[in-house]
Amino acid sequence: MTGSGRPDLEAELATLVGAVPGVEQVYRRGVVRAAAAGARRLVGAAAADAPVEVSRDGVTMTIAVDGIRPTVEVVHAVHDAVMEHLTQVGLAVPVIVVRVGRIG
């Protein structure tokens, strides 16, 4: 669910984040939940489980980084790309959460 009034914003941000150098994958939320719950086999997430969640509280995502660039640089680059995109579309959020689910 997007609190932005732009139903395509989550997909736009997922594509943007996936293109940041050093980002290997943007995880779908359902896959992350299944892994956290200790699922033996990860099954595809439901269509509603977009990789990037946008709400009035902020933007949240979990990424895998390639391990080549320093992880902190990749996370900063993701944050900056998301912030710039939100500014361009006229949105402000109080927080951007970038979780790293895997390195390398």
PDB file of N, CA and C in Angstrom:
ATOM      1  N   MET A   1       0.844  -1.176   0.000  1.00  0.00           N
ATOM      2  CA  MET A   1       0.000   0.000   0.000  1.00  0.00           C
ATOM      3  C   MET A   1       0.887   1.236   0.000  1.00  0.00           C
ATOM      4  N   THR A   2       0.605   2.140  -0.862  1.00  0.00           N
ATOM      5  CA  THR A   2       1.354   3.388  -0.847  1.00  0.00           C
ATOM      6  C   THR A   2       0.503   4.477  -0.234  1.00  0.00           C
ATOM      7  N   GLY A   3       1.111   5.244   0.613  1.00  0.00           N
ATOM      8  CA  GLY A   3       0.430   6.374   1.202  1.00  0.00           C
ATOM      9  C   GLY A   3       0.620   7.622   0.367  1.00  0.00           C
ATOM     10  N   SER A   4       1.196   7.467  -0.807  1.00  0.00           N
ATOM     11  CA  SER A   4       1.566   8.605  -1.632  1.00  0.00           C
ATOM     12  C   SER A   4       0.492   9.019  -2.620  1.00  0.00           C
ATOM     13  N   GLY A   5      -0.496   8.157  -2.853  1.00  0.00           N
ATOM     14  CA  GLY A   5      -1.456   8.435  -3.903  1.00  0.00           C
ATOM     15  C   GLY A   5      -0.905   8.073  -5.274  1.00  0.00           C
ATOM     16  N   ARG A   6       0.263   7.480  -5.308  1.00  0.00           N
ATOM     17  CA  ARG A   6       0.900   7.036  -6.551  1.00  0.00           C
ATOM     18  C   ARG A   6       1.085   5.528  -6.480  1.00  0.00           C
ATOM     19  N   PRO A   7       0.173   4.755  -7.067  1.00  0.00           N
ATOM     20  CA  PRO A   7       0.251   3.301  -6.939  1.00  0.00           C
ATOM     21  C   PRO A   7       1.498   2.693  -7.564  1.00  0.00           C
ATOM     22  N   ASP A   8       2.137   3.399  -8.468  1.00  0.00           N
ATOM     23  CA  ASP A   8       3.334   2.868  -9.118  1.00  0.00           C
ATOM     24  C   ASP A   8       4.628   3.251  -8.407  1.00  0.00           C
ATOM     25  N   LEU A   9       4.553   4.021  -7.342  1.00  0.00           N
ATOM     26  CA  LEU A   9       5.755   4.521  -6.682  1.00  0.00           C
ATOM     27  C   LEU A   9       6.626   3.391  -6.133  1.00  0.00           C
ATOM     28  N   GLU A  10       6.026   2.379  -5.526  1.00  0.00           N
ATOM     29  CA  GLU A  10       6.814   1.273  -4.978  1.00  0.00           C
ATOM     30  C   GLU A  10       7.599   0.566  -6.080  1.00  0.00           C
ATOM     31  N   ALA A  11       6.968   0.344  -7.232  1.00  0.00           N
ATOM     32  CA  ALA A  11       7.658  -0.301  -8.354  1.00  0.00           C
ATOM     33  C   ALA A  11       8.773   0.599  -8.895  1.00  0.00           C
ATOM     34  N   GLU A  12       8.503   1.895  -8.988  1.00  0.00           N
ATOM     35  CA  GLU A  12       9.532   2.843  -9.444  1.00  0.00           C
ATOM     36  C   GLU A  12      10.752   2.788  -8.530  1.00  0.00           C
ATOM     37  N   LEU A  13      10.495   2.813  -7.233  1.00  0.00           N
ATOM     38  CA  LEU A  13      11.602   2.804  -6.274  1.00  0.00           C
ATOM     39  C   LEU A  13      12.350   1.473  -6.303  1.00  0.00           C
ATOM     40  N   ALA A  14      11.636   0.363  -6.459  1.00  0.00           N
ATOM     41  CA  ALA A  14      12.301  -0.940  -6.532  1.00  0.00           C
ATOM     42  C   ALA A  14      13.233  -1.008  -7.738  1.00  0.00           C
ATOM     43  N   THR A  15      12.784  -0.488  -8.868  1.00  0.00           N
ATOM     44  CA  THR A  15      13.629  -0.457 -10.074  1.00  0.00           C
ATOM     45  C   THR A  15      14.832   0.445  -9.853  1.00  0.00           C
ATOM     46  N   LEU A  16      14.599   1.602  -9.263  1.00  0.00           N
ATOM     47  CA  LEU A  16      15.667   2.552  -8.973  1.00  0.00           C
ATOM     48  C   LEU A  16      16.713   1.936  -8.043  1.00  0.00           C
ATOM     49  N   VAL A  17      16.250   1.332  -6.951  1.00  0.00           N
ATOM     50  CA  VAL A  17      17.168   0.731  -5.976  1.00  0.00           C
ATOM     51  C   VAL A  17      17.952  -0.409  -6.614  1.00  0.00           C
ATOM     52  N   GLY A  18      17.291  -1.224  -7.410  1.00  0.00           N
ATOM     53  CA  GLY A  18      17.973  -2.343  -8.067  1.00  0.00           C
ATOM     54  C   GLY A  18      19.069  -1.905  -9.028  1.00  0.00           C
ATOM     55  N   ALA A  19      18.994  -0.663  -9.505  1.00  0.00           N
ATOM     56  CA  ALA A  19      19.993  -0.141 -10.439  1.00  0.00           C
ATOM     57  C   ALA A  19      21.178   0.533  -9.747  1.00  0.00           C
ATOM     58  N   VAL A  20      21.120   0.676  -8.432  1.00  0.00           N
ATOM     59  CA  VAL A  20      22.223   1.307  -7.709  1.00  0.00           C
ATOM     60  C   VAL A  20      23.430   0.374  -7.733  1.00  0.00           C
ATOM     61  N   PRO A  21      24.614   0.871  -8.131  1.00  0.00           N
ATOM     62  CA  PRO A  21      25.807   0.014  -8.147  1.00  0.00           C
ATOM     63  C   PRO A  21      26.053  -0.615  -6.776  1.00  0.00           C
ATOM     64  N   GLY A  22      26.255  -1.921  -6.777  1.00  0.00           N
ATOM     65  CA  GLY A  22      26.488  -2.651  -5.538  1.00  0.00           C
ATOM     66  C   GLY A  22      25.271  -3.393  -5.028  1.00  0.00           C
ATOM     67  N   VAL A  23      24.080  -3.011  -5.499  1.00  0.00           N
ATOM     68  CA  VAL A  23      22.863  -3.724  -5.104  1.00  0.00           C
ATOM     69  C   VAL A  23      22.723  -4.942  -6.006  1.00  0.00           C
ATOM     70  N   GLU A  24      22.703  -6.106  -5.394  1.00  0.00           N
ATOM     71  CA  GLU A  24      22.570  -7.344  -6.146  1.00  0.00           C
ATOM     72  C   GLU A  24      21.108  -7.749  -6.294  1.00  0.00           C
ATOM     73  N   GLN A  25      20.296  -7.443  -5.278  1.00  0.00           N
ATOM     74  CA  GLN A  25      18.892  -7.833  -5.309  1.00  0.00           C
ATOM     75  C   GLN A  25      18.101  -6.958  -4.337  1.00  0.00           C
ATOM     76  N   VAL A  26      16.840  -6.717  -4.676  1.00  0.00           N
ATOM     77  CA  VAL A  26      15.906  -6.069  -3.764  1.00  0.00           C
ATOM     78  C   VAL A  26      14.896  -7.156  -3.414  1.00  0.00           C
ATOM     79  N   TYR A  27      14.870  -7.543  -2.150  1.00  0.00           N
ATOM     80  CA  TYR A  27      14.025  -8.662  -1.731  1.00  0.00           C
ATOM     81  C   TYR A  27      12.560  -8.275  -1.644  1.00  0.00           C
ATOM     82  N   ARG A  28      11.694  -9.167  -2.068  1.00  0.00           N
ATOM     83  CA  ARG A  28      10.260  -9.001  -1.863  1.00  0.00           C
ATOM     84  C   ARG A  28       9.983  -9.223  -0.386  1.00  0.00           C
ATOM     85  N   ARG A  29       9.072  -8.465   0.188  1.00  0.00           N
ATOM     86  CA  ARG A  29       8.811  -8.543   1.623  1.00  0.00           C
ATOM     87  C   ARG A  29       8.414  -9.939   2.079  1.00  0.00           C
ATOM     88  N   GLY A  30       7.615 -10.649   1.326  1.00  0.00           N
ATOM     89  CA  GLY A  30       7.183 -11.984   1.724  1.00  0.00           C
ATOM     90  C   GLY A  30       8.334 -12.959   1.818  1.00  0.00           C
ATOM     91  N   VAL A  31       9.321 -12.835   0.942  1.00  0.00           N
ATOM     92  CA  VAL A  31      10.490 -13.705   0.967  1.00  0.00           C
ATOM     93  C   VAL A  31      11.313 -13.445   2.218  1.00  0.00           C
ATOM     94  N   VAL A  32      11.455 -12.191   2.577  1.00  0.00           N
ATOM     95  CA  VAL A  32      12.211 -11.836   3.776  1.00  0.00           C
ATOM     96  C   VAL A  32      11.507 -12.386   5.007  1.00  0.00           C
ATOM     97  N   ARG A  33      10.185 -12.237   5.070  1.00  0.00           N
ATOM     98  CA  ARG A  33       9.431 -12.778   6.208  1.00  0.00           C
ATOM     99  C   ARG A  33       9.569 -14.285   6.293  1.00  0.00           C
ATOM    100  N   ALA A  34       9.519 -14.981   5.161  1.00  0.00           N
ATOM    101  CA  ALA A  34       9.635 -16.441   5.162  1.00  0.00           C
ATOM    102  C   ALA A  34      11.008 -16.870   5.661  1.00  0.00           C
ATOM    103  N   ALA A  35      12.050 -16.168   5.223  1.00  0.00           N
ATOM    104  CA  ALA A  35      13.405 -16.493   5.671  1.00  0.00           C
ATOM    105  C   ALA A  35      13.557 -16.235   7.161  1.00  0.00           C
ATOM    106  N   ALA A  36      12.997 -15.137   7.628  1.00  0.00           N
ATOM    107  CA  ALA A  36      13.091 -14.806   9.050  1.00  0.00           C
ATOM    108  C   ALA A  36      12.349 -15.825   9.906  1.00  0.00           C
ATOM    109  N   ALA A  37      11.307 -16.422   9.352  1.00  0.00           N
ATOM    110  CA  ALA A  37      10.521 -17.406  10.090  1.00  0.00           C
ATOM    111  C   ALA A  37      11.167 -18.795  10.033  1.00  0.00           C
ATOM    112  N   GLY A  38      12.291 -18.911   9.341  1.00  0.00           N
ATOM    113  CA  GLY A  38      13.000 -20.185   9.265  1.00  0.00           C
ATOM    114  C   GLY A  38      12.401 -21.147   8.259  1.00  0.00           C
ATOM    115  N   ALA A  39      11.758 -20.641   7.243  1.00  0.00           N
ATOM    116  CA  ALA A  39      11.174 -21.502   6.220  1.00  0.00           C
ATOM    117  C   ALA A  39      12.255 -22.338   5.565  1.00  0.00           C
ATOM    118  N   ARG A  40      11.956 -23.585   5.327  1.00  0.00           N
ATOM    119  CA  ARG A  40      12.939 -24.481   4.711  1.00  0.00           C
ATOM    120  C   ARG A  40      13.101 -24.191   3.235  1.00  0.00           C
ATOM    121  N   ARG A  41      12.043 -23.708   2.618  1.00  0.00           N
ATOM    122  CA  ARG A  41      12.086 -23.425   1.197  1.00  0.00           C
ATOM    123  C   ARG A  41      11.361 -22.122   0.958  1.00  0.00           C
ATOM    124  N   LEU A  42      12.000 -21.205   0.249  1.00  0.00           N
ATOM    125  CA  LEU A  42      11.369 -19.913  -0.011  1.00  0.00           C
ATOM    126  C   LEU A  42      10.475 -20.037  -1.235  1.00  0.00           C
ATOM    127  N   VAL A  43       9.241 -19.688  -1.058  1.00  0.00           N
ATOM    128  CA  VAL A  43       8.262 -19.731  -2.129  1.00  0.00           C
ATOM    129  C   VAL A  43       8.024 -18.300  -2.568  1.00  0.00           C
ATOM    130  N   GLY A  44       7.721 -18.082  -3.849  1.00  0.00           N
ATOM    131  CA  GLY A  44       7.496 -16.727  -4.358  1.00  0.00           C
ATOM    132  C   GLY A  44       6.511 -15.954  -3.501  1.00  0.00           C
ATOM    133  N   ALA A  45       6.798 -14.709  -3.332  1.00  0.00           N
ATOM    134  CA  ALA A  45       5.947 -13.843  -2.509  1.00  0.00           C
ATOM    135  C   ALA A  45       4.676 -13.497  -3.259  1.00  0.00           C
ATOM    136  N   ALA A  46       3.663 -13.138  -2.524  1.00  0.00           N
ATOM    137  CA  ALA A  46       2.409 -12.702  -3.128  1.00  0.00           C
ATOM    138  C   ALA A  46       2.640 -11.401  -3.889  1.00  0.00           C
ATOM    139  N   ALA A  47       1.809 -11.164  -4.874  1.00  0.00           N
ATOM    140  CA  ALA A  47       1.959  -9.961  -5.697  1.00  0.00           C
ATOM    141  C   ALA A  47       1.897  -8.695  -4.859  1.00  0.00           C
ATOM    142  N   ALA A  48       1.167  -8.726  -3.766  1.00  0.00           N
ATOM    143  CA  ALA A  48       1.039  -7.537  -2.926  1.00  0.00           C
ATOM    144  C   ALA A  48       2.321  -7.240  -2.149  1.00  0.00           C
ATOM    145  N   ASP A  49       3.237  -8.197  -2.086  1.00  0.00           N
ATOM    146  CA  ASP A  49       4.479  -8.012  -1.346  1.00  0.00           C
ATOM    147  C   ASP A  49       5.529  -7.345  -2.222  1.00  0.00           C
ATOM    148  N   ALA A  50       5.361  -6.064  -2.455  1.00  0.00           N
ATOM    149  CA  ALA A  50       6.312  -5.312  -3.266  1.00  0.00           C
ATOM    150  C   ALA A  50       7.652  -5.238  -2.547  1.00  0.00           C
ATOM    151  N   PRO A  51       8.754  -5.140  -3.296  1.00  0.00           N
ATOM    152  CA  PRO A  51      10.070  -5.072  -2.668  1.00  0.00           C
ATOM    153  C   PRO A  51      10.294  -3.820  -1.823  1.00  0.00           C
ATOM    154  N   VAL A  52       9.660  -2.724  -2.187  1.00  0.00           N
ATOM    155  CA  VAL A  52       9.818  -1.471  -1.457  1.00  0.00           C
ATOM    156  C   VAL A  52       8.451  -1.081  -0.910  1.00  0.00           C
ATOM    157  N   GLU A  53       8.404  -0.780   0.379  1.00  0.00           N
ATOM    158  CA  GLU A  53       7.147  -0.375   1.000  1.00  0.00           C
ATOM    159  C   GLU A  53       7.176   1.121   1.268  1.00  0.00           C
ATOM    160  N   VAL A  54       6.148   1.802   0.809  1.00  0.00           N
ATOM    161  CA  VAL A  54       6.033   3.241   1.023  1.00  0.00           C
ATOM    162  C   VAL A  54       4.776   3.497   1.843  1.00  0.00           C
ATOM    163  N   SER A  55       4.932   4.221   2.924  1.00  0.00           N
ATOM    164  CA  SER A  55       3.781   4.625   3.737  1.00  0.00           C
ATOM    165  C   SER A  55       4.031   6.046   4.214  1.00  0.00           C
ATOM    166  N   ARG A  56       3.067   6.601   4.895  1.00  0.00           N
ATOM    167  CA  ARG A  56       3.286   7.962   5.410  1.00  0.00           C
ATOM    168  C   ARG A  56       4.367   7.974   6.478  1.00  0.00           C
ATOM    169  N   ASP A  57       4.676   6.780   7.032  1.00  0.00           N
ATOM    170  CA  ASP A  57       5.727   6.684   8.048  1.00  0.00           C
ATOM    171  C   ASP A  57       7.126   6.630   7.447  1.00  0.00           C
ATOM    172  N   GLY A  58       7.238   6.295   6.166  1.00  0.00           N
ATOM    173  CA  GLY A  58       8.541   6.228   5.535  1.00  0.00           C
ATOM    174  C   GLY A  58       8.614   5.201   4.430  1.00  0.00           C
ATOM    175  N   VAL A  59       9.831   4.915   4.015  1.00  0.00           N
ATOM    176  CA  VAL A  59      10.114   3.944   2.960  1.00  0.00           C
ATOM    177  C   VAL A  59      10.993   2.863   3.572  1.00  0.00           C
ATOM    178  N   THR A  60      10.658   1.591   3.280  1.00  0.00           N
ATOM    179  CA  THR A  60      11.396   0.468   3.840  1.00  0.00           C
ATOM    180  C   THR A  60      11.712  -0.536   2.740  1.00  0.00           C
ATOM    181  N   MET A  61      12.931  -1.080   2.772  1.00  0.00           N
ATOM    182  CA  MET A  61      13.330  -2.115   1.809  1.00  0.00           C
ATOM    183  C   MET A  61      14.438  -2.965   2.409  1.00  0.00           C
ATOM    184  N   THR A  62      14.622  -4.156   1.847  1.00  0.00           N
ATOM    185  CA  THR A  62      15.736  -5.023   2.213  1.00  0.00           C
ATOM    186  C   THR A  62      16.470  -5.382   0.940  1.00  0.00           C
ATOM    187  N   ILE A  63      17.793  -5.214   0.956  1.00  0.00           N
ATOM    188  CA  ILE A  63      18.599  -5.455  -0.240  1.00  0.00           C
ATOM    189  C   ILE A  63      19.686  -6.489   0.040  1.00  0.00           C
ATOM    190  N   ALA A  64      20.209  -7.043  -1.033  1.00  0.00           N
ATOM    191  CA  ALA A  64      21.438  -7.834  -0.987  1.00  0.00           C
ATOM    192  C   ALA A  64      22.495  -7.003  -1.693  1.00  0.00           C
ATOM    193  N   VAL A  65      23.672  -6.938  -1.121  1.00  0.00           N
ATOM    194  CA  VAL A  65      24.769  -6.202  -1.749  1.00  0.00           C
ATOM    195  C   VAL A  65      25.798  -7.195  -2.275  1.00  0.00           C
ATOM    196  N   ASP A  66      26.531  -6.764  -3.298  1.00  0.00           N
ATOM    197  CA  ASP A  66      27.437  -7.685  -3.971  1.00  0.00           C
ATOM    198  C   ASP A  66      28.736  -7.968  -3.216  1.00  0.00           C
ATOM    199  N   GLY A  67      29.042  -7.186  -2.207  1.00  0.00           N
ATOM    200  CA  GLY A  67      30.257  -7.412  -1.440  1.00  0.00           C
ATOM    201  C   GLY A  67      31.509  -6.829  -2.070  1.00  0.00           C
ATOM    202  N   ILE A  68      31.364  -6.241  -3.236  1.00  0.00           N
ATOM    203  CA  ILE A  68      32.518  -5.640  -3.914  1.00  0.00           C
ATOM    204  C   ILE A  68      32.719  -4.212  -3.414  1.00  0.00           C
ATOM    205  N   ARG A  69      31.663  -3.421  -3.475  1.00  0.00           N
ATOM    206  CA  ARG A  69      31.708  -2.070  -2.911  1.00  0.00           C
ATOM    207  C   ARG A  69      31.445  -2.182  -1.418  1.00  0.00           C
ATOM    208  N   PRO A  70      32.007  -1.313  -0.623  1.00  0.00           N
ATOM    209  CA  PRO A  70      31.705  -1.339   0.812  1.00  0.00           C
ATOM    210  C   PRO A  70      30.201  -1.185   1.053  1.00  0.00           C
ATOM    211  N   THR A  71      29.678  -2.020   1.919  1.00  0.00           N
ATOM    212  CA  THR A  71      28.238  -2.046   2.175  1.00  0.00           C
ATOM    213  C   THR A  71      27.706  -0.684   2.584  1.00  0.00           C
ATOM    214  N   VAL A  72      28.432   0.019   3.421  1.00  0.00           N
ATOM    215  CA  VAL A  72      27.960   1.324   3.875  1.00  0.00           C
ATOM    216  C   VAL A  72      27.826   2.294   2.695  1.00  0.00           C
ATOM    217  N   GLU A  73      28.711   2.211   1.718  1.00  0.00           N
ATOM    218  CA  GLU A  73      28.606   3.066   0.527  1.00  0.00           C
ATOM    219  C   GLU A  73      27.358   2.733  -0.271  1.00  0.00           C
ATOM    220  N   VAL A  74      27.076   1.443  -0.408  1.00  0.00           N
ATOM    221  CA  VAL A  74      25.898   1.015  -1.161  1.00  0.00           C
ATOM    222  C   VAL A  74      24.626   1.506  -0.460  1.00  0.00           C
ATOM    223  N   VAL A  75      24.561   1.336   0.852  1.00  0.00           N
ATOM    224  CA  VAL A  75      23.385   1.768   1.612  1.00  0.00           C
ATOM    225  C   VAL A  75      23.196   3.279   1.485  1.00  0.00           C
ATOM    226  N   HIS A  76      24.274   4.036   1.575  1.00  0.00           N
ATOM    227  CA  HIS A  76      24.171   5.498   1.416  1.00  0.00           C
ATOM    228  C   HIS A  76      23.694   5.856   0.014  1.00  0.00           C
ATOM    229  N   ALA A  77      24.203   5.140  -1.000  1.00  0.00           N
ATOM    230  CA  ALA A  77      23.798   5.417  -2.377  1.00  0.00           C
ATOM    231  C   ALA A  77      22.312   5.105  -2.583  1.00  0.00           C
ATOM    232  N   VAL A  78      21.832   4.025  -1.975  1.00  0.00           N
ATOM    233  CA  VAL A  78      20.409   3.684  -2.060  1.00  0.00           C
ATOM    234  C   VAL A  78      19.580   4.777  -1.396  1.00  0.00           C
ATOM    235  N   HIS A  79      19.963   5.169  -0.204  1.00  0.00           N
ATOM    236  CA  HIS A  79      19.244   6.230   0.508  1.00  0.00           C
ATOM    237  C   HIS A  79      19.180   7.495  -0.336  1.00  0.00           C
ATOM    238  N   ASP A  80      20.326   7.899  -0.875  1.00  0.00           N
ATOM    239  CA  ASP A  80      20.377   9.135  -1.655  1.00  0.00           C
ATOM    240  C   ASP A  80      19.522   9.043  -2.911  1.00  0.00           C
ATOM    241  N   ALA A  81      19.532   7.884  -3.589  1.00  0.00           N
ATOM    242  CA  ALA A  81      18.729   7.716  -4.805  1.00  0.00           C
ATOM    243  C   ALA A  81      17.240   7.788  -4.493  1.00  0.00           C
ATOM    244  N   VAL A  82      16.827   7.135  -3.412  1.00  0.00           N
ATOM    245  CA  VAL A  82      15.415   7.166  -3.009  1.00  0.00           C
ATOM    246  C   VAL A  82      15.017   8.584  -2.625  1.00  0.00           C
ATOM    247  N   MET A  83      15.824   9.245  -1.837  1.00  0.00           N
ATOM    248  CA  MET A  83      15.526  10.610  -1.409  1.00  0.00           C
ATOM    249  C   MET A  83      15.407  11.547  -2.617  1.00  0.00           C
ATOM    250  N   GLU A  84      16.327  11.433  -3.558  1.00  0.00           N
ATOM    251  CA  GLU A  84      16.284  12.287  -4.748  1.00  0.00           C
ATOM    252  C   GLU A  84      15.011  12.034  -5.555  1.00  0.00           C
ATOM    253  N   HIS A  85      14.644  10.771  -5.726  1.00  0.00           N
ATOM    254  CA  HIS A  85      13.433  10.447  -6.490  1.00  0.00           C
ATOM    255  C   HIS A  85      12.187  11.005  -5.791  1.00  0.00           C
ATOM    256  N   LEU A  86      12.111  10.816  -4.487  1.00  0.00           N
ATOM    257  CA  LEU A  86      10.957  11.324  -3.752  1.00  0.00           C
ATOM    258  C   LEU A  86      10.864  12.847  -3.861  1.00  0.00           C
ATOM    259  N   THR A  87      11.996  13.508  -3.802  1.00  0.00           N
ATOM    260  CA  THR A  87      12.019  14.965  -3.946  1.00  0.00           C
ATOM    261  C   THR A  87      11.518  15.366  -5.334  1.00  0.00           C
ATOM    262  N   GLN A  88      11.960  14.638  -6.361  1.00  0.00           N
ATOM    263  CA  GLN A  88      11.545  14.950  -7.737  1.00  0.00           C
ATOM    264  C   GLN A  88      10.048  14.797  -7.943  1.00  0.00           C
ATOM    265  N   VAL A  89       9.435  13.844  -7.239  1.00  0.00           N
ATOM    266  CA  VAL A  89       7.992  13.639  -7.401  1.00  0.00           C
ATOM    267  C   VAL A  89       7.184  14.411  -6.359  1.00  0.00           C
ATOM    268  N   GLY A  90       7.866  15.212  -5.551  1.00  0.00           N
ATOM    269  CA  GLY A  90       7.184  16.089  -4.609  1.00  0.00           C
ATOM    270  C   GLY A  90       6.707  15.421  -3.336  1.00  0.00           C
ATOM    271  N   LEU A  91       7.394  14.364  -2.910  1.00  0.00           N
ATOM    272  CA  LEU A  91       7.016  13.671  -1.678  1.00  0.00           C
ATOM    273  C   LEU A  91       8.120  13.799  -0.635  1.00  0.00           C
ATOM    274  N   ALA A  92       7.696  13.843   0.609  1.00  0.00           N
ATOM    275  CA  ALA A  92       8.657  13.860   1.714  1.00  0.00           C
ATOM    276  C   ALA A  92       8.248  12.756   2.682  1.00  0.00           C
ATOM    277  N   VAL A  93       9.226  11.998   3.147  1.00  0.00           N
ATOM    278  CA  VAL A  93       8.966  10.959   4.154  1.00  0.00           C
ATOM    279  C   VAL A  93       9.900  11.203   5.326  1.00  0.00           C
ATOM    280  N   PRO A  94       9.469  10.819   6.536  1.00  0.00           N
ATOM    281  CA  PRO A  94      10.308  11.082   7.702  1.00  0.00           C
ATOM    282  C   PRO A  94      11.526  10.162   7.818  1.00  0.00           C
ATOM    283  N   VAL A  95      11.467   8.979   7.194  1.00  0.00           N
ATOM    284  CA  VAL A  95      12.571   8.034   7.354  1.00  0.00           C
ATOM    285  C   VAL A  95      12.648   7.107   6.141  1.00  0.00           C
ATOM    286  N   ILE A  96      13.872   6.734   5.803  1.00  0.00           N
ATOM    287  CA  ILE A  96      14.122   5.725   4.769  1.00  0.00           C
ATOM    288  C   ILE A  96      14.925   4.622   5.440  1.00  0.00           C
ATOM    289  N   VAL A  97      14.364   3.421   5.480  1.00  0.00           N
ATOM    290  CA  VAL A  97      15.011   2.280   6.117  1.00  0.00           C
ATOM    291  C   VAL A  97      15.535   1.355   5.042  1.00  0.00           C
ATOM    292  N   VAL A  98      16.862   1.130   5.050  1.00  0.00           N
ATOM    293  CA  VAL A  98      17.499   0.221   4.113  1.00  0.00           C
ATOM    294  C   VAL A  98      18.130  -0.898   4.928  1.00  0.00           C
ATOM    295  N   ARG A  99      17.550  -2.082   4.836  1.00  0.00           N
ATOM    296  CA  ARG A  99      18.105  -3.246   5.534  1.00  0.00           C
ATOM    297  C   ARG A  99      18.958  -4.037   4.559  1.00  0.00           C
ATOM    298  N   VAL A 100      20.031  -4.608   5.083  1.00  0.00           N
ATOM    299  CA  VAL A 100      20.890  -5.465   4.262  1.00  0.00           C
ATOM    300  C   VAL A 100      20.630  -6.895   4.697  1.00  0.00           C
ATOM    301  N   GLY A 101      20.084  -7.683   3.771  1.00  0.00           N
ATOM    302  CA  GLY A 101      19.765  -9.067   4.069  1.00  0.00           C
ATOM    303  C   GLY A 101      20.893 -10.023   3.757  1.00  0.00           C
ATOM    304  N   ARG A 102      21.798  -9.602   2.868  1.00  0.00           N
ATOM    305  CA  ARG A 102      22.916 -10.475   2.488  1.00  0.00           C
ATOM    306  C   ARG A 102      24.031  -9.620   1.899  1.00  0.00           C
ATOM    307  N   ILE A 103      25.263 -10.015   2.211  1.00  0.00           N
ATOM    308  CA  ILE A 103      26.442  -9.360   1.636  1.00  0.00           C
ATOM    309  C   ILE A 103      27.223 -10.417   0.873  1.00  0.00           C
ATOM    310  N   GLY A 104      27.451 -10.139  -0.420  1.00  0.00           N
ATOM    311  CA  GLY A 104      28.243 -11.038  -1.259  1.00  0.00           C
ATOM    312  C   GLY A 104      27.556 -12.267  -1.710  1.00  0.00           C
TER     313      GLY A 104
END
